[in-house]
Amino acid sequence: MDSQVRNRIAGVLLGQAVGDALGVPYEFDSAPIKAGRAEMLGGGLGHYRPGEWSDDTQMAMCIAEVARSSHGAALTSQSGLDQVAAWFLKWLNSGPGDMGVLTSRVLHPASHQPETAGLAQRMSRIARQAAADGSAGNGGLMRTAIVGLSALQDRQQTARTASAICALTHAHQLCQESAVLWSEAVRVAVSEGRLDIRGGLELLEPASRPYWEDGIVQAESQDPGTFRANGFTVTALQAAWSSIHATRGMGADPARFVATLQTAIGIGHDTDTVAAIAGGLLGAYFGASGIPANLARQLNGWPEHGGRPSGRRDLVRLALETAGSGWSQCGSLLASGSSRTVSRAVPHPEDPQVILGTEDDLVRAKEIGVTAAVSLSRLGDPEIAASGLDPRLIAEVWLIDSDDRSKNAHLLWTLHDAAETVKALRDEGHTVLLHCVAAEHRTPAVALAYSLLLGRPVAEANGRIEQALNHPKQGLLWQTVYDSARPATPPP
């Protein structure tokens, strides 16, 4: 898999969780929605912490925990489905703060016979009974984005997996069909880099296709606010797709990610679920590099890993392992065989509370007096632990140090987003370490972007950063930021 595909894989659970956590405070009108002003305030029906994701992402992680061990291949086997069902019961027993009505109607009876062998069949049987009254809630759709990573080269397998996992709790035909459509859209976004909801229509039974085509046309032709009754799986899909379609004028600009989520939350009602559904697909399209680092670093939630709530790293790791990309390819800070770097730890010339440094400076964060970090290179778990910093105060930016433009999907946006994340942490009162591996390319490029954000003229900022780091700056990353601030040359 090339770097851009891995980037898009990494964005799926990350994008879903951002949408989920942004939508939590406003679920079923728990708080007034300020148009375009949704924040990760926590609260909501589950009394969540700020940045905490809800049942939408919690249940998606149950699926991912099973998929990671087989790279998604066994999810439709009987043993694989039994394991997913067992994870659903493990989640139930953890005491989730919020749970869908239909999910509750299935999981509680299933928990009376929790033996793993045959659990999926028993759970699906209960789900069919629960669906006999026509109940078709959005609980199967909300967790299905991760399924889109389970068979990236096999659309038929993706459809079978989406349908089977949905049917564990949501057996209505419409629930399963909505899961098929959305999982296929995620698969296409990751593998081909495009947004397409209609591609999955041919994976449905012929008799079902006109119904869904009409529903998609409605989503594209009506205002997103039309789809407020979004507890119903069809309306939830329409609400998410309508929000994405409404921002189509922004094209591939990563700013569209947040704009779409704000639109989805502004619809109201099941705000966290609609935003989670939209966020999973948009994360697959824009990738981890197109998701604001300041939002991603605040994420936290069930399950715990190593005695702490899961966070951004766990979401990215699970997605990569589900797709068979492997955390080992994207998770270590230094390339194999590299030696440790040395400390730089020099103050930013425009803001002495921003420290420009290296990997070594991260592991001695307390010694050099920093309370937060913006990391521009791949981090390993040991470095995170050694820093002693709260993981939610370490913003990790998906940025590849390369002069090959194809390696970074949204290079200029990502560089400026990193600078804005530094400023957000400074506005919270933190002393911030801005670092990469050796402070030779990524760190100075973002340091320059930060100078521009503070209003310093580019030529002057260039010289001051070169002097601070005692190294002339060069390379694509630096030049990209520098050129973004220069006035365009008038035509002859």
Protein backbone atom coordinates (compact mmCIF):
# COMPACT_ATOMS: atom_id res chain seq x y z
CA MET A 1 0.00 0.00 0.00
CA ASP A 2 1.37 3.42 -0.86
CA SER A 3 1.57 6.25 1.65
CA GLN A 4 -1.65 7.90 0.51
CA VAL A 5 -3.70 4.72 0.82
CA ARG A 6 -2.29 4.14 4.31
CA ASN A 7 -3.14 7.74 5.13
CA ARG A 8 -6.75 7.18 4.07
CA ILE A 9 -6.95 3.91 6.00
CA ALA A 10 -5.73 5.73 9.10
CA GLY A 11 -8.47 8.33 8.70
CA VAL A 12 -11.49 6.00 8.90
CA LEU A 13 -11.89 5.39 12.63
CA LEU A 14 -10.23 8.73 13.35
CA GLY A 15 -12.78 10.61 11.24
CA GLN A 16 -15.67 8.66 12.73
CA ALA A 17 -14.52 9.36 16.28
CA VAL A 18 -14.09 13.09 15.62
CA GLY A 19 -17.63 13.30 14.24
CA ASP A 20 -18.95 11.24 17.14
CA ALA A 21 -17.25 13.32 19.85
CA LEU A 22 -18.26 16.60 18.20
CA GLY A 23 -21.88 15.48 18.01
CA VAL A 24 -22.14 14.06 21.54
CA PRO A 25 -23.09 17.27 23.40
CA TYR A 26 -26.02 17.96 21.10
CA GLU A 27 -27.59 14.49 20.81
CA PHE A 28 -31.39 14.65 20.93
CA ASP A 29 -31.05 18.34 21.75
CA SER A 30 -29.07 17.75 24.96
CA ALA A 31 -27.75 21.28 24.39
CA PRO A 32 -28.69 24.05 21.98
CA ILE A 33 -26.82 23.70 18.71
CA LYS A 34 -24.99 26.79 17.58
CA ALA A 35 -24.89 26.64 13.80
CA GLY A 36 -21.34 25.75 12.76
CA ARG A 37 -20.07 26.02 16.33
CA ALA A 38 -20.14 22.43 17.60
CA GLU A 39 -17.31 21.69 20.04
CA MET A 40 -16.01 18.66 21.92
CA LEU A 41 -17.70 19.64 25.14
CA GLY A 42 -18.63 16.19 26.37
CA GLY A 43 -21.89 15.60 28.21
CA GLY A 44 -24.79 14.38 26.11
CA LEU A 45 -26.90 11.36 27.01
CA GLY A 46 -23.89 9.40 28.23
CA HIS A 47 -22.39 12.19 30.34
CA TYR A 48 -19.18 11.80 28.34
CA ARG A 49 -15.85 13.50 28.94
CA PRO A 50 -14.82 16.25 26.50
CA GLY A 51 -13.50 14.50 23.40
CA GLU A 52 -14.94 11.13 24.39
CA TRP A 53 -16.61 9.11 21.67
CA SER A 54 -19.90 7.31 22.26
CA ASP A 55 -21.48 3.97 21.37
CA ASP A 56 -21.10 4.63 17.63
CA THR A 57 -17.31 4.38 17.77
CA GLN A 58 -17.22 2.03 20.75
CA MET A 59 -19.06 -0.65 18.76
CA ALA A 60 -16.92 0.01 15.68
CA MET A 61 -13.87 -0.68 17.82
CA CYS A 62 -15.38 -4.00 18.89
CA ILE A 63 -15.42 -5.01 15.22
CA ALA A 64 -11.91 -3.71 14.70
CA GLU A 65 -10.56 -5.63 17.68
CA VAL A 66 -11.61 -8.85 15.96
CA ALA A 67 -10.59 -7.75 12.47
CA ARG A 68 -7.08 -6.71 13.53
CA SER A 69 -6.00 -10.30 14.28
CA SER A 70 -6.90 -11.54 10.80
CA HIS A 71 -6.70 -8.27 8.82
CA GLY A 72 -10.48 -8.52 8.38
CA ALA A 73 -10.42 -11.85 6.56
CA ALA A 74 -12.35 -13.89 9.12
CA LEU A 75 -15.18 -11.48 9.90
CA THR A 76 -17.79 -13.51 7.99
CA SER A 77 -16.69 -16.89 9.34
CA GLN A 78 -18.77 -18.33 12.15
CA SER A 79 -15.91 -18.00 14.62
CA GLY A 80 -15.25 -14.42 13.51
CA LEU A 81 -18.89 -13.42 13.96
CA ASP A 82 -18.95 -15.17 17.33
CA GLN A 83 -15.95 -13.07 18.39
CA VAL A 84 -17.60 -9.84 17.23
CA ALA A 85 -20.75 -10.79 19.14
CA ALA A 86 -18.63 -11.56 22.22
CA TRP A 87 -16.98 -8.13 21.97
CA PHE A 88 -20.45 -6.55 21.80
CA LEU A 89 -21.29 -8.28 25.09
CA LYS A 90 -17.96 -7.23 26.58
CA TRP A 91 -18.91 -3.68 25.69
CA LEU A 92 -22.38 -4.16 27.22
CA ASN A 93 -20.82 -5.41 30.46
CA SER A 94 -18.53 -2.35 30.59
CA GLY A 95 -21.59 -0.22 31.37
CA PRO A 96 -21.78 2.08 28.34
CA GLY A 97 -23.26 5.48 29.04
CA ASP A 98 -25.58 5.33 26.07
CA MET A 99 -27.01 2.58 23.89
CA GLY A 100 -29.52 2.45 21.06
CA VAL A 101 -32.95 1.04 21.81
CA LEU A 102 -32.75 -1.79 19.29
CA THR A 103 -29.18 -2.66 20.28
CA SER A 104 -30.31 -2.92 23.90
CA ARG A 105 -33.26 -5.13 22.92
CA VAL A 106 -30.82 -7.59 21.37
CA LEU A 107 -27.74 -7.51 23.59
CA HIS A 108 -29.43 -7.86 26.96
CA PRO A 109 -31.25 -11.12 26.09
CA ALA A 110 -28.12 -12.42 24.33
CA SER A 111 -26.08 -11.83 27.48
CA HIS A 112 -28.11 -14.52 29.28
CA GLN A 113 -26.19 -17.13 27.25
CA PRO A 114 -22.81 -15.50 26.73
CA GLU A 115 -20.88 -18.63 25.67
CA THR A 116 -18.91 -17.62 22.57
CA ALA A 117 -19.60 -20.74 20.51
CA GLY A 118 -22.79 -20.13 18.57
CA LEU A 119 -23.24 -16.67 20.09
CA ALA A 120 -23.59 -14.92 16.72
CA GLN A 121 -26.41 -17.22 15.65
CA ARG A 122 -28.25 -16.71 18.93
CA MET A 123 -27.77 -12.95 18.75
CA SER A 124 -28.93 -12.78 15.12
CA ARG A 125 -32.03 -14.81 15.99
CA ILE A 126 -32.91 -12.32 18.72
CA ALA A 127 -32.26 -9.48 16.26
CA ARG A 128 -34.69 -10.99 13.74
CA GLN A 129 -37.35 -11.22 16.41
CA ALA A 130 -36.71 -7.60 17.41
CA ALA A 131 -37.01 -6.50 13.78
CA ALA A 132 -40.32 -8.26 13.27
CA ASP A 133 -42.17 -5.07 14.24
CA GLY A 134 -40.40 -3.17 11.47
CA SER A 135 -37.74 -1.56 13.68
CA ALA A 136 -34.90 -0.32 11.48
CA GLY A 137 -32.71 1.91 13.62
CA ASN A 138 -29.35 3.34 12.62
CA GLY A 139 -27.25 1.26 15.04
CA GLY A 140 -25.89 -1.08 12.38
CA LEU A 141 -25.02 1.76 10.01
CA MET A 142 -23.28 3.85 12.66
CA ARG A 143 -20.53 1.28 13.26
CA THR A 144 -19.97 0.00 9.72
CA ALA A 145 -17.22 2.28 8.36
CA ILE A 146 -14.52 -0.03 9.73
CA VAL A 147 -15.97 -2.87 7.64
CA GLY A 148 -14.96 -0.93 4.54
CA LEU A 149 -11.32 -1.70 5.44
CA SER A 150 -11.80 -5.42 5.90
CA ALA A 151 -11.49 -6.43 2.22
CA LEU A 152 -10.14 -3.48 0.27
CA GLN A 153 -9.77 -5.46 -2.97
CA ASP A 154 -13.04 -7.40 -2.73
CA ARG A 155 -16.30 -5.48 -2.90
CA GLN A 156 -18.44 -8.63 -2.68
CA GLN A 157 -16.69 -9.69 0.51
CA THR A 158 -17.12 -6.18 1.90
CA ALA A 159 -20.86 -6.39 1.24
CA ARG A 160 -21.18 -9.82 2.86
CA THR A 161 -19.28 -8.68 5.92
CA ALA A 162 -21.29 -5.47 6.29
CA SER A 163 -24.57 -7.35 6.06
CA ALA A 164 -23.57 -10.13 8.47
CA ILE A 165 -22.20 -7.84 11.17
CA CYS A 166 -25.14 -5.46 10.91
CA ALA A 167 -27.56 -8.40 11.27
CA LEU A 168 -26.09 -9.33 14.66
CA THR A 169 -28.23 -6.57 16.17
CA HIS A 170 -30.11 -4.95 13.27
CA ALA A 171 -31.68 -7.62 11.10
CA HIS A 172 -34.09 -5.47 9.09
CA GLN A 173 -33.29 -5.56 5.38
CA LEU A 174 -33.00 -1.78 5.21
CA CYS A 175 -30.44 -1.79 8.03
CA GLN A 176 -28.29 -4.34 6.24
CA GLU A 177 -28.59 -2.54 2.92
CA SER A 178 -27.58 0.80 4.42
CA ALA A 179 -24.52 -0.88 5.96
CA VAL A 180 -23.60 -2.39 2.58
CA LEU A 181 -23.86 0.97 0.82
CA TRP A 182 -21.79 2.85 3.38
CA SER A 183 -19.12 0.18 3.82
CA GLU A 184 -18.63 0.03 0.05
CA ALA A 185 -18.40 3.82 -0.10
CA VAL A 186 -15.63 3.71 2.53
CA ARG A 187 -13.82 0.95 0.63
CA VAL A 188 -13.93 3.01 -2.57
CA ALA A 189 -12.81 6.19 -0.82
CA VAL A 190 -9.79 4.43 0.66
CA SER A 191 -8.74 2.35 -2.32
CA GLU A 192 -9.59 4.84 -5.09
CA GLY A 193 -9.61 8.23 -3.38
CA ARG A 194 -13.12 9.29 -4.41
CA LEU A 195 -16.54 9.77 -2.84
CA ASP A 196 -19.24 7.55 -4.35
CA ILE A 197 -22.37 6.34 -2.59
CA ARG A 198 -23.99 4.87 -5.71
CA GLY A 199 -21.24 2.33 -6.34
CA GLY A 200 -22.80 -0.02 -3.82
CA LEU A 201 -26.23 -0.12 -5.43
CA GLU A 202 -25.34 -3.07 -7.61
CA LEU A 203 -24.34 -5.00 -4.51
CA LEU A 204 -27.98 -4.93 -3.39
CA GLU A 205 -30.79 -7.10 -4.67
CA PRO A 206 -32.18 -5.65 -7.94
CA ALA A 207 -35.58 -5.03 -6.37
CA SER A 208 -33.99 -2.81 -3.68
CA ARG A 209 -31.98 -0.56 -5.97
CA PRO A 210 -34.73 1.86 -7.10
CA TYR A 211 -35.70 2.56 -3.48
CA TRP A 212 -32.15 3.49 -2.55
CA GLU A 213 -31.49 5.44 -5.75
CA ASP A 214 -34.54 7.54 -4.96
CA GLY A 215 -33.31 8.04 -1.39
CA ILE A 216 -29.91 9.20 -2.62
CA VAL A 217 -31.53 11.63 -5.07
CA GLN A 218 -33.57 13.06 -2.19
CA ALA A 219 -30.41 13.47 -0.10
CA GLU A 220 -28.71 15.36 -2.92
CA SER A 221 -31.65 17.56 -3.85
CA GLN A 222 -32.98 18.56 -0.43
CA ASP A 223 -31.55 20.63 2.39
CA PRO A 224 -29.73 18.48 4.99
CA GLY A 225 -32.15 19.76 7.65
CA THR A 226 -34.88 17.78 5.90
CA PHE A 227 -33.43 14.61 7.39
CA ARG A 228 -33.96 15.31 11.07
CA ALA A 229 -35.82 12.03 11.79
CA ASN A 230 -32.48 10.29 11.53
CA GLY A 231 -32.94 7.54 14.08
CA PHE A 232 -34.23 5.54 11.09
CA THR A 233 -31.34 3.95 9.21
CA VAL A 234 -32.43 5.26 5.80
CA THR A 235 -32.80 8.83 7.04
CA ALA A 236 -29.50 8.61 8.89
CA LEU A 237 -27.72 7.63 5.65
CA GLN A 238 -29.51 10.42 3.82
CA ALA A 239 -28.58 12.96 6.52
CA ALA A 240 -24.90 11.99 6.36
CA TRP A 241 -24.76 11.94 2.57
CA SER A 242 -26.77 15.16 2.25
CA SER A 243 -24.26 16.89 4.55
CA ILE A 244 -21.37 15.64 2.43
CA HIS A 245 -23.13 16.62 -0.80
CA ALA A 246 -23.99 20.08 0.57
CA THR A 247 -20.26 20.87 0.92
CA ARG A 248 -19.28 19.48 -2.49
CA GLY A 249 -18.29 22.97 -3.65
CA MET A 250 -15.26 22.72 -1.36
CA GLY A 251 -14.01 19.76 -3.38
CA ALA A 252 -10.90 18.11 -1.94
CA ASP A 253 -10.10 20.96 0.48
CA PRO A 254 -9.64 19.29 3.90
CA ALA A 255 -11.54 22.21 5.46
CA ARG A 256 -14.56 20.39 4.05
CA PHE A 257 -14.15 17.71 6.72
CA VAL A 258 -15.14 19.99 9.59
CA ALA A 259 -17.62 21.96 7.48
CA THR A 260 -19.50 18.76 6.71
CA LEU A 261 -19.54 17.60 10.32
CA GLN A 262 -20.87 20.97 11.42
CA THR A 263 -23.60 20.65 8.79
CA ALA A 264 -24.46 17.13 9.97
CA ILE A 265 -24.63 18.16 13.63
CA GLY A 266 -26.72 21.18 12.69
CA ILE A 267 -29.46 18.84 11.43
CA GLY A 268 -30.17 17.89 15.02
CA HIS A 269 -31.67 14.81 16.66
CA ASP A 270 -29.14 11.91 16.56
CA THR A 271 -26.24 14.29 16.10
CA ASP A 272 -23.37 12.08 17.21
CA THR A 273 -24.47 9.20 15.00
CA VAL A 274 -25.02 11.22 11.83
CA ALA A 275 -21.68 12.98 12.33
CA ALA A 276 -19.95 9.66 13.07
CA ILE A 277 -21.35 8.12 9.88
CA ALA A 278 -20.28 11.11 7.79
CA GLY A 279 -16.93 11.33 9.58
CA GLY A 280 -16.02 7.73 8.82
CA LEU A 281 -16.49 8.23 5.09
CA LEU A 282 -14.80 11.64 5.04
CA GLY A 283 -11.89 10.25 7.04
CA ALA A 284 -11.56 7.56 4.37
CA TYR A 285 -11.48 10.27 1.71
CA PHE A 286 -9.25 12.92 3.31
CA GLY A 287 -7.10 10.58 5.39
CA ALA A 288 -5.50 11.21 8.76
CA SER A 289 -3.52 14.13 7.31
CA GLY A 290 -6.76 15.94 6.44
CA ILE A 291 -8.28 15.74 9.92
CA PRO A 292 -7.47 18.68 12.21
CA ALA A 293 -4.76 17.59 14.63
CA ASN A 294 -6.17 19.71 17.43
CA LEU A 295 -9.46 17.79 17.29
CA ALA A 296 -7.85 14.39 16.88
CA ARG A 297 -5.55 14.81 19.88
CA GLN A 298 -8.55 15.39 22.19
CA LEU A 299 -10.16 12.04 21.38
CA ASN A 300 -10.56 9.47 24.14
CA GLY A 301 -12.85 6.60 24.97
CA TRP A 302 -13.61 2.93 25.54
CA PRO A 303 -11.90 0.49 25.58
CA GLU A 304 -8.88 1.07 27.76
CA HIS A 305 -5.39 0.18 26.56
CA GLY A 306 -2.64 -0.09 29.13
CA GLY A 307 -4.85 1.30 31.89
CA ARG A 308 -5.84 4.44 29.99
CA PRO A 309 -8.71 5.33 27.68
CA SER A 310 -8.04 4.71 24.02
CA GLY A 311 -7.10 7.71 21.91
CA ARG A 312 -6.01 8.77 18.46
CA ARG A 313 -3.14 6.28 18.30
CA ASP A 314 -5.40 3.34 19.06
CA LEU A 315 -7.90 4.38 16.40
CA VAL A 316 -5.17 4.66 13.78
CA ARG A 317 -3.52 1.40 14.83
CA LEU A 318 -6.80 -0.56 14.69
CA ALA A 319 -7.66 0.79 11.26
CA LEU A 320 -4.23 0.00 9.82
CA GLU A 321 -4.26 -3.50 11.27
CA THR A 322 -7.80 -4.17 10.03
CA ALA A 323 -6.68 -3.32 6.51
CA GLY A 324 -3.51 -5.38 6.79
CA SER A 325 -1.27 -2.35 6.48
CA GLY A 326 0.36 -3.07 9.79
CA TRP A 327 1.12 -0.64 12.60
CA SER A 328 4.78 -1.56 12.27
CA GLN A 329 4.88 0.22 8.92
CA CYS A 330 3.52 3.48 10.28
CA GLY A 331 4.05 3.41 13.99
CA SER A 332 7.74 3.65 14.79
CA LEU A 333 9.38 7.01 15.16
CA LEU A 334 12.75 6.19 13.65
CA ALA A 335 13.53 4.02 10.66
CA SER A 336 14.95 0.62 11.54
CA GLY A 337 18.60 0.88 12.48
CA SER A 338 18.64 4.65 12.99
CA SER A 339 20.43 6.04 15.99
CA ARG A 340 18.78 8.33 18.50
CA THR A 341 18.90 12.01 17.81
CA VAL A 342 20.31 14.70 20.05
CA SER A 343 18.51 17.49 21.83
CA ARG A 344 17.99 20.84 20.13
CA ALA A 345 15.39 22.49 22.38
CA VAL A 346 15.68 26.04 21.12
CA PRO A 347 12.94 28.66 21.62
CA HIS A 348 10.92 29.72 18.60
CA PRO A 349 12.16 33.23 17.70
CA GLU A 350 8.64 34.67 17.78
CA ASP A 351 7.37 32.79 20.83
CA PRO A 352 9.81 31.47 23.46
CA GLN A 353 7.07 29.24 24.90
CA VAL A 354 7.26 27.16 21.73
CA ILE A 355 10.34 24.93 21.81
CA LEU A 356 11.76 23.64 18.53
CA GLY A 357 13.27 20.22 18.99
CA THR A 358 13.83 16.58 18.21
CA GLU A 359 12.69 13.14 19.29
CA ASP A 360 15.15 13.29 22.16
CA ASP A 361 13.47 16.44 23.43
CA LEU A 362 10.11 14.66 23.61
CA VAL A 363 11.41 12.00 25.98
CA ARG A 364 12.87 14.72 28.20
CA ALA A 365 9.77 16.92 28.04
CA LYS A 366 9.56 17.60 31.76
CA GLU A 367 13.25 18.39 31.97
CA ILE A 368 12.97 21.11 29.34
CA GLY A 369 9.74 22.44 30.81
CA VAL A 370 7.18 21.68 28.11
CA THR A 371 3.61 20.67 28.97
CA ALA A 372 2.34 19.75 25.48
CA ALA A 373 3.76 18.68 22.14
CA VAL A 374 3.01 18.76 18.44
CA SER A 375 4.76 15.75 16.95
CA LEU A 376 5.46 15.79 13.22
CA SER A 377 7.01 12.33 12.95
CA ARG A 378 5.84 8.81 13.68
CA LEU A 379 5.85 8.07 17.38
CA GLY A 380 6.26 4.76 19.13
CA ASP A 381 4.46 3.97 22.36
CA PRO A 382 7.72 4.08 24.38
CA GLU A 383 8.31 7.71 23.38
CA ILE A 384 4.79 8.67 24.40
CA ALA A 385 5.21 6.98 27.77
CA ALA A 386 8.69 8.39 28.34
CA SER A 387 7.50 11.94 27.73
CA GLY A 388 5.32 11.86 30.83
CA LEU A 389 2.77 14.05 29.02
CA ASP A 390 -0.96 13.45 28.92
CA PRO A 391 -1.51 11.76 25.51
CA ARG A 392 -4.31 14.25 24.84
CA LEU A 393 -1.68 16.99 24.99
CA ILE A 394 0.42 15.36 22.27
CA ALA A 395 -0.95 16.23 18.85
CA GLU A 396 0.37 13.82 16.24
CA VAL A 397 0.48 15.08 12.66
CA TRP A 398 0.53 12.69 9.70
CA LEU A 399 3.36 14.32 7.77
CA ILE A 400 5.97 12.52 5.69
CA ASP A 401 9.44 13.99 5.30
CA SER A 402 9.89 13.73 1.54
CA ASP A 403 10.53 15.92 -1.46
CA ASP A 404 8.13 13.74 -3.44
CA ARG A 405 4.84 15.66 -3.55
CA SER A 406 2.84 12.45 -3.96
CA LYS A 407 3.78 11.30 -0.46
CA ASN A 408 1.64 13.92 1.30
CA ALA A 409 -2.00 14.27 0.31
CA HIS A 410 -2.64 17.82 1.60
CA LEU A 411 0.83 19.14 2.23
CA LEU A 412 0.21 22.88 2.60
CA TRP A 413 -2.99 22.36 4.57
CA THR A 414 -1.31 19.88 6.89
CA LEU A 415 1.65 22.16 7.54
CA HIS A 416 -0.61 25.09 8.42
CA ASP A 417 -2.91 22.85 10.47
CA ALA A 418 0.10 21.81 12.55
CA ALA A 419 0.93 25.47 13.16
CA GLU A 420 -2.67 26.19 14.15
CA THR A 421 -2.51 23.28 16.58
CA VAL A 422 0.57 24.80 18.20
CA LYS A 423 -1.35 28.04 18.61
CA ALA A 424 -4.40 26.27 20.05
CA LEU A 425 -2.22 24.63 22.71
CA ARG A 426 -0.49 27.94 23.42
CA ASP A 427 -3.90 29.60 23.81
CA GLU A 428 -4.64 26.98 26.48
CA GLY A 429 -1.56 28.15 28.35
CA HIS A 430 0.85 25.34 27.45
CA THR A 431 4.54 25.48 26.71
CA VAL A 432 4.68 23.49 23.50
CA LEU A 433 7.38 21.29 22.04
CA LEU A 434 7.27 21.33 18.23
CA HIS A 435 9.38 18.43 17.07
CA CYS A 436 10.16 15.83 14.44
CA VAL A 437 13.04 13.36 14.42
CA ALA A 438 16.01 15.70 14.00
CA ALA A 439 14.51 19.20 13.54
CA GLU A 440 15.92 19.47 10.03
CA HIS A 441 12.87 19.55 7.76
CA ARG A 442 9.42 19.12 9.31
CA THR A 443 10.03 21.14 12.46
CA PRO A 444 11.44 24.25 10.72
CA ALA A 445 8.71 24.13 8.05
CA VAL A 446 5.94 24.20 10.67
CA ALA A 447 7.89 26.73 12.72
CA LEU A 448 7.82 29.00 9.66
CA ALA A 449 4.08 28.44 9.27
CA TYR A 450 3.66 29.40 12.94
CA SER A 451 5.62 32.62 12.35
CA LEU A 452 3.28 33.44 9.48
CA LEU A 453 0.29 32.71 11.70
CA LEU A 454 1.65 35.27 14.16
CA GLY A 455 1.93 37.83 11.38
CA ARG A 456 5.68 37.85 10.78
CA PRO A 457 6.75 38.63 7.15
CA VAL A 458 8.00 35.48 5.47
CA ALA A 459 11.50 36.66 4.54
CA GLU A 460 12.17 37.91 8.05
CA ALA A 461 10.70 34.77 9.64
CA ASN A 462 12.84 32.63 7.35
CA GLY A 463 16.05 34.23 8.55
CA ARG A 464 15.14 34.15 12.21
CA ILE A 465 14.29 30.44 12.17
CA GLU A 466 17.46 29.59 10.26
CA GLN A 467 19.44 31.51 12.88
CA ALA A 468 17.64 29.83 15.78
CA LEU A 469 18.28 26.33 14.45
CA ASN A 470 21.72 27.25 13.07
CA HIS A 471 20.94 25.52 9.81
CA PRO A 472 19.94 26.83 6.35
CA LYS A 473 16.48 25.60 5.48
CA GLN A 474 15.66 23.80 2.27
CA GLY A 475 13.48 21.07 0.83
CA LEU A 476 9.89 20.75 -0.34
CA LEU A 477 8.20 21.20 3.04
CA TRP A 478 10.00 24.45 3.83
CA GLN A 479 9.56 25.75 0.30
CA THR A 480 5.83 24.94 0.33
CA VAL A 481 5.26 27.13 3.37
CA TYR A 482 7.58 29.86 2.10
CA ASP A 483 5.89 30.02 -1.29
CA SER A 484 2.42 30.15 0.28
CA ALA A 485 3.28 33.53 1.81
CA ARG A 486 4.92 35.12 -1.21
CA PRO A 487 2.75 37.31 -3.42
CA ALA A 488 2.04 35.79 -6.79
CA THR A 489 4.29 37.06 -9.58
CA PRO A 490 2.21 39.24 -11.89
CA PRO A 491 2.02 38.05 -15.49
CA PRO A 492 4.38 39.82 -17.93
